Protein backbone atom coordinates (compact mmCIF):
# COMPACT_ATOMS: atom_id res chain seq x y z
CA MET A 1 -0.06 0.06 0.09
CA LEU A 2 1.31 3.11 -1.00
CA ILE A 3 0.74 6.58 0.27
CA GLU A 4 1.67 10.18 -1.18
CA ILE A 5 2.76 13.40 1.06
CA ARG A 6 0.83 16.62 0.43
CA LYS A 7 1.51 19.72 0.95
CA LYS A 8 2.02 20.96 4.17
CA ASN A 9 3.50 17.21 4.46
CA GLN A 10 -0.04 15.92 5.10
CA ILE A 11 -1.11 12.21 4.32
CA THR A 12 -4.22 10.39 3.57
CA LEU A 13 -4.66 7.46 5.37
CA PRO A 14 -6.23 4.68 2.71
CA SER A 15 -10.16 3.96 3.29
CA GLU A 16 -9.53 0.14 3.81
CA LEU A 17 -7.58 0.81 6.67
CA THR A 18 -9.15 2.78 8.36
CA LYS A 19 -12.43 0.50 8.25
CA GLN A 20 -10.61 -2.31 9.13
CA LEU A 21 -9.00 -0.42 12.33
CA GLY A 22 -12.22 1.24 13.26
CA LEU A 23 -11.32 4.16 13.20
CA LYS A 24 -13.43 7.54 11.95
CA GLU A 25 -13.23 11.56 11.60
CA GLY A 26 -11.82 13.36 14.57
CA ASP A 27 -10.37 10.26 15.90
CA MET A 28 -6.34 10.63 17.82
CA LEU A 29 -3.53 8.61 16.42
CA SER A 30 -0.03 9.44 17.88
CA ILE A 31 2.94 9.13 15.84
CA GLU A 32 6.29 7.73 16.53
CA ALA A 33 9.30 7.37 14.53
CA SER A 34 11.85 4.23 15.30
CA ASN A 35 14.41 4.03 12.74
CA ASP A 36 13.63 4.25 9.29
CA LYS A 37 9.54 2.88 10.71
CA ILE A 38 6.91 5.48 11.35
CA LEU A 39 4.54 3.56 13.69
CA LEU A 40 0.99 5.41 14.31
CA LYS A 41 -1.61 3.95 17.02
CA PRO A 42 -5.06 5.37 17.86
CA VAL A 43 -5.34 6.65 21.35
CA ILE A 44 -7.72 8.12 23.22
CA VAL A 45 -7.36 11.70 25.14
CA ILE A 46 -8.29 12.25 28.35
CA PRO A 47 -8.96 16.28 28.91
CA LYS A 48 -6.16 16.95 32.27
CA GLU A 49 -9.22 18.19 34.29
CA ASP A 50 -11.16 14.05 34.76
CA LEU A 51 -7.64 12.74 35.67
CA PRO A 52 -8.86 13.03 39.06
CA CYS A 53 -11.68 11.18 38.96
CA LEU A 54 -10.20 9.07 36.88
CA HIS A 55 -7.71 7.60 39.79
CA GLU A 56 -10.09 7.72 41.93
CA LYS A 57 -11.95 5.39 40.13
CA MET A 58 -9.15 3.39 39.49
CA GLU A 59 -8.12 3.47 43.07
CA ASN A 60 -11.10 2.11 43.93
CA TYR A 61 -11.16 -0.91 41.42
CA LEU A 62 -7.84 -2.11 42.72
CA ALA A 63 -8.59 -1.88 46.26
CA SER A 64 -11.72 -3.78 45.64
CA GLU A 65 -9.53 -6.76 43.57
CA LYS A 66 -7.48 -6.90 46.31
CA VAL A 67 -9.95 -7.63 48.81
CA LEU A 68 -11.58 -10.04 46.61
CA LYS A 69 -8.55 -11.63 45.21
CA LYS A 70 -8.00 -13.14 48.98
CA ASP A 71 -11.01 -15.14 48.37
CA TRP A 72 -10.95 -15.77 44.54
CA LEU A 73 -6.88 -17.28 45.37
CA SER A 74 -7.23 -19.31 47.91
CA PRO A 75 -7.29 -23.71 48.35
CA GLU A 76 -10.35 -23.55 49.72
CA GLU A 77 -11.99 -21.65 46.32
CA ASP A 78 -10.28 -24.07 43.98
CA GLU A 79 -11.26 -26.87 45.59
CA ALA A 80 -14.86 -25.88 45.30
CA TRP A 81 -14.20 -24.81 41.87
CA ALA A 82 -12.57 -27.70 41.07
CA ASN A 83 -15.30 -30.59 39.99
CA LEU A 84 -17.77 -27.37 37.44
């Protein structure tokens, strides 16, 4: 698949590629250069003001997981599920 660099260093991604990756207008991509390669990755951008709420939700999730692991990762739990 070939694409051309146009005025102002712009490129157009082929529609078959954007369909394959589920990309649509307005989606964000990160770009990285490594040796002789260019890597584009779809990303989700989270506004800075939303980070405290996201951080709190993640802390709650991780705390819940730690509590549940005590029950899940026990010989008694393994035995209870062994015959199912």
